[in-house]
Amino acid sequence: MKRKFFLVILFAAILFSRNGLAQQPDIATEIASDPVRINFPITGSILQFLYVRRNADTDPSIDVYSISPKGNALTAEYVAEIGPQGGPPNIQSVFLKDVDKNGSQELLLLVSWEIRHPGLSTSGNYYRTYVYANRPAAEGRGFLRLTDIEKKIGSGLDGTLEGKKVTFPYKDARSIRTLLDQK
């Protein structure tokens, strides 16, 4: 009961803290996953993932928020939006790693999308990792993406591509950590 109450309060806080979201009744929002306790951007923070359907004709995106303690209150801070790619995104893994070797931990989000194109004999999961530094984005909203690190990890399909089996090697936190430790 206590957890459910917390999620309802958290959901309301996020909904009303997002610029203009509360004034747009045509935007449907639902919780995409349980909160993840992670020390990003500060110790004691929680990440919350919300499916957001901005209109009835599109698949939902995931909006990522960091909920952090500030005195006796909690503050919700927008981290990023992860858009649909032919279907809704799914969070596969969330972890921290000092990827740029500057002494502070970066946030890594491993995301997948289900791919189904029977006419092309193509199916499986498409994987991509998003990397965020604990610094504001240039546009002033969200956190700075480290696209050079994302390119090192790459993205790809794990399944069948035009009838041929393909394997994407970086579809879990362990394989991504191993790759980044090598470079």
Protein backbone atom coordinates (compact mmCIF):
# COMPACT_ATOMS: atom_id res chain seq x y z
CA MET A 1 0.00 0.00 0.00
CA LYS A 2 2.79 2.40 0.93
CA ARG A 3 4.58 1.73 -2.40
CA LYS A 4 1.39 2.21 -4.41
CA PHE A 5 0.72 5.52 -2.63
CA PHE A 6 4.31 6.62 -3.38
CA LEU A 7 3.90 5.77 -7.08
CA VAL A 8 0.64 7.73 -7.31
CA ILE A 9 2.25 10.77 -5.64
CA LEU A 10 5.35 10.39 -7.82
CA PHE A 11 3.25 10.12 -10.98
CA ALA A 12 1.30 13.27 -10.05
CA ALA A 13 4.49 15.19 -9.25
CA ILE A 14 6.03 14.26 -12.59
CA LEU A 15 2.88 14.99 -14.53
CA PHE A 16 2.56 18.50 -13.12
CA SER A 17 6.28 19.30 -13.20
CA ARG A 18 6.69 18.73 -16.96
CA ASN A 19 6.41 21.96 -18.96
CA GLY A 20 2.83 22.18 -20.19
CA LEU A 21 2.05 18.47 -19.88
CA ALA A 22 -0.67 19.05 -17.29
CA GLN A 23 -2.47 21.49 -19.62
CA GLN A 24 -2.65 19.03 -22.54
CA PRO A 25 -5.48 16.56 -21.91
CA ASP A 26 -4.85 14.75 -25.23
CA ILE A 27 -1.54 13.35 -23.93
CA ALA A 28 -1.92 9.91 -22.35
CA THR A 29 0.67 8.91 -19.74
CA GLU A 30 1.23 5.66 -17.84
CA ILE A 31 4.05 4.21 -15.76
CA ALA A 32 6.37 2.13 -17.97
CA SER A 33 8.28 0.40 -15.16
CA ASP A 34 8.84 0.33 -11.44
CA PRO A 35 11.10 3.11 -10.17
CA VAL A 36 14.83 2.33 -10.27
CA ARG A 37 16.95 3.46 -7.32
CA ILE A 38 20.17 4.84 -8.77
CA ASN A 39 22.57 7.56 -7.68
CA PHE A 40 22.07 9.76 -10.74
CA PRO A 41 22.27 12.70 -10.74
CA ILE A 42 22.79 12.62 -6.94
CA THR A 43 22.88 10.03 -4.18
CA GLY A 44 19.39 8.83 -3.29
CA SER A 45 17.86 9.53 -6.71
CA ILE A 46 15.19 7.37 -8.35
CA LEU A 47 14.60 7.06 -12.08
CA GLN A 48 11.03 6.80 -13.28
CA PHE A 49 10.05 5.78 -16.81
CA LEU A 50 6.70 6.92 -18.19
CA TYR A 51 5.04 5.86 -21.43
CA VAL A 52 3.72 9.00 -23.05
CA ARG A 53 1.34 8.81 -26.03
CA ARG A 54 1.32 12.32 -27.44
CA ASN A 55 -1.53 11.54 -29.81
CA ALA A 56 -3.75 8.56 -30.55
CA ASP A 57 -2.07 7.81 -33.90
CA THR A 58 1.46 7.11 -32.61
CA ASP A 59 3.21 4.56 -30.46
CA PRO A 60 4.21 5.89 -27.06
CA SER A 61 7.62 7.31 -26.20
CA ILE A 62 9.28 6.84 -22.83
CA ASP A 63 9.97 9.98 -20.83
CA VAL A 64 12.68 9.49 -18.22
CA TYR A 65 12.67 11.49 -14.96
CA SER A 66 15.06 11.62 -12.05
CA ILE A 67 13.38 12.04 -8.67
CA SER A 68 15.88 13.41 -6.15
CA PRO A 69 15.69 14.44 -2.49
CA LYS A 70 15.99 18.16 -1.89
CA GLY A 71 15.65 19.07 1.77
CA ASN A 72 12.34 17.64 2.98
CA ALA A 73 10.91 17.37 -0.53
CA LEU A 74 11.44 15.49 -3.77
CA THR A 75 12.22 17.20 -7.06
CA ALA A 76 11.43 15.72 -10.48
CA GLU A 77 13.94 16.49 -13.20
CA TYR A 78 13.45 15.59 -16.85
CA VAL A 79 16.29 13.39 -18.17
CA ALA A 80 15.28 12.48 -21.73
CA GLU A 81 12.69 11.18 -24.16
CA ILE A 82 13.16 7.85 -25.92
CA GLY A 83 11.00 7.70 -29.01
CA PRO A 84 9.24 4.84 -30.75
CA GLN A 85 10.93 3.01 -33.64
CA GLY A 86 8.09 1.22 -35.36
CA GLY A 87 6.78 0.29 -31.91
CA PRO A 88 7.14 1.42 -28.31
CA PRO A 89 10.58 1.34 -26.65
CA ASN A 90 11.37 -1.07 -23.80
CA ILE A 91 13.93 -0.39 -21.09
CA GLN A 92 16.21 -3.45 -20.87
CA SER A 93 18.89 -2.23 -18.45
CA VAL A 94 19.80 0.85 -16.41
CA PHE A 95 23.29 1.25 -14.96
CA LEU A 96 26.07 3.69 -14.12
CA LYS A 97 29.65 3.67 -15.40
CA ASP A 98 32.45 6.22 -15.70
CA VAL A 99 32.57 5.90 -19.49
CA ASP A 100 34.63 9.01 -20.21
CA LYS A 101 37.12 8.36 -17.36
CA ASN A 102 36.52 11.78 -15.75
CA GLY A 103 35.82 10.44 -12.24
CA SER A 104 32.01 10.77 -12.34
CA GLN A 105 29.45 8.13 -13.26
CA GLU A 106 27.38 8.41 -16.43
CA LEU A 107 23.88 6.97 -16.86
CA LEU A 108 23.45 4.23 -19.46
CA LEU A 109 20.01 3.14 -20.67
CA LEU A 110 19.84 0.03 -22.82
CA VAL A 111 16.64 0.17 -24.86
CA SER A 112 15.05 -2.28 -27.28
CA TRP A 113 12.24 -2.22 -29.81
CA GLU A 114 10.45 -5.29 -31.11
CA ILE A 115 10.81 -5.64 -34.88
CA ARG A 116 8.28 -7.68 -36.91
CA HIS A 117 8.26 -7.50 -40.71
CA PRO A 118 7.07 -10.95 -41.91
CA GLY A 119 6.99 -9.83 -45.56
CA LEU A 120 10.73 -9.09 -45.35
CA SER A 121 11.52 -12.21 -43.26
CA THR A 122 12.77 -9.83 -40.56
CA SER A 123 12.06 -10.11 -36.84
CA GLY A 124 13.73 -9.76 -33.46
CA ASN A 125 14.76 -6.94 -31.18
CA TYR A 126 16.62 -3.79 -32.15
CA TYR A 127 19.00 -2.56 -29.39
CA ARG A 128 20.45 0.86 -28.69
CA THR A 129 22.22 2.33 -25.66
CA TYR A 130 21.76 5.95 -24.59
CA VAL A 131 24.51 7.53 -22.47
CA TYR A 132 23.92 10.64 -20.32
CA ALA A 133 26.48 12.74 -18.46
CA ASN A 134 25.63 14.42 -15.19
CA ARG A 135 25.62 17.81 -16.95
CA PRO A 136 22.76 19.80 -18.46
CA ALA A 137 22.09 19.45 -22.18
CA ALA A 138 23.03 22.39 -24.41
CA GLU A 139 19.37 23.22 -24.99
CA GLY A 140 18.90 23.49 -21.22
CA ARG A 141 16.44 20.61 -20.84
CA GLY A 142 17.49 17.14 -19.79
CA PHE A 143 21.02 15.83 -19.52
CA LEU A 144 23.92 15.92 -21.97
CA ARG A 145 24.03 12.87 -24.27
CA LEU A 146 27.44 11.40 -24.94
CA THR A 147 26.87 10.41 -28.55
CA ASP A 148 30.56 9.54 -29.13
CA ILE A 149 30.25 6.79 -26.47
CA GLU A 150 26.90 5.69 -27.95
CA LYS A 151 28.61 5.27 -31.35
CA LYS A 152 31.28 3.02 -29.80
CA ILE A 153 28.55 0.73 -28.49
CA GLY A 154 26.54 0.93 -31.68
CA SER A 155 23.05 -0.40 -32.27
CA GLY A 156 21.64 -3.36 -34.08
CA LEU A 157 19.17 -6.16 -34.61
CA ASP A 158 19.27 -9.45 -32.76
CA GLY A 159 17.08 -11.93 -34.62
CA THR A 160 16.46 -12.54 -38.31
CA LEU A 161 17.24 -10.04 -41.07
CA GLU A 162 15.84 -10.92 -44.50
CA GLY A 163 15.82 -14.59 -43.55
CA LYS A 164 19.38 -14.66 -42.14
CA LYS A 165 20.18 -14.98 -38.43
CA VAL A 166 21.93 -11.89 -37.01
CA THR A 167 23.29 -11.32 -33.53
CA PHE A 168 23.88 -7.97 -31.85
CA PRO A 169 26.56 -8.44 -29.18
CA TYR A 170 25.69 -5.53 -26.82
CA LYS A 171 22.26 -6.41 -25.46
CA ASP A 172 23.03 -6.49 -21.73
CA ALA A 173 24.92 -4.39 -19.18
CA ARG A 174 27.77 -6.90 -18.83
CA SER A 175 28.65 -6.93 -22.54
CA ILE A 176 28.49 -3.12 -22.70
CA ARG A 177 30.72 -2.73 -19.62
CA THR A 178 33.23 -5.18 -21.09
CA LEU A 179 33.31 -3.26 -24.38
CA LEU A 180 33.81 0.09 -22.65
CA ASP A 181 36.57 -1.30 -20.42
CA GLN A 182 38.50 -2.25 -23.59
CA LYS A 183 38.49 1.23 -25.08
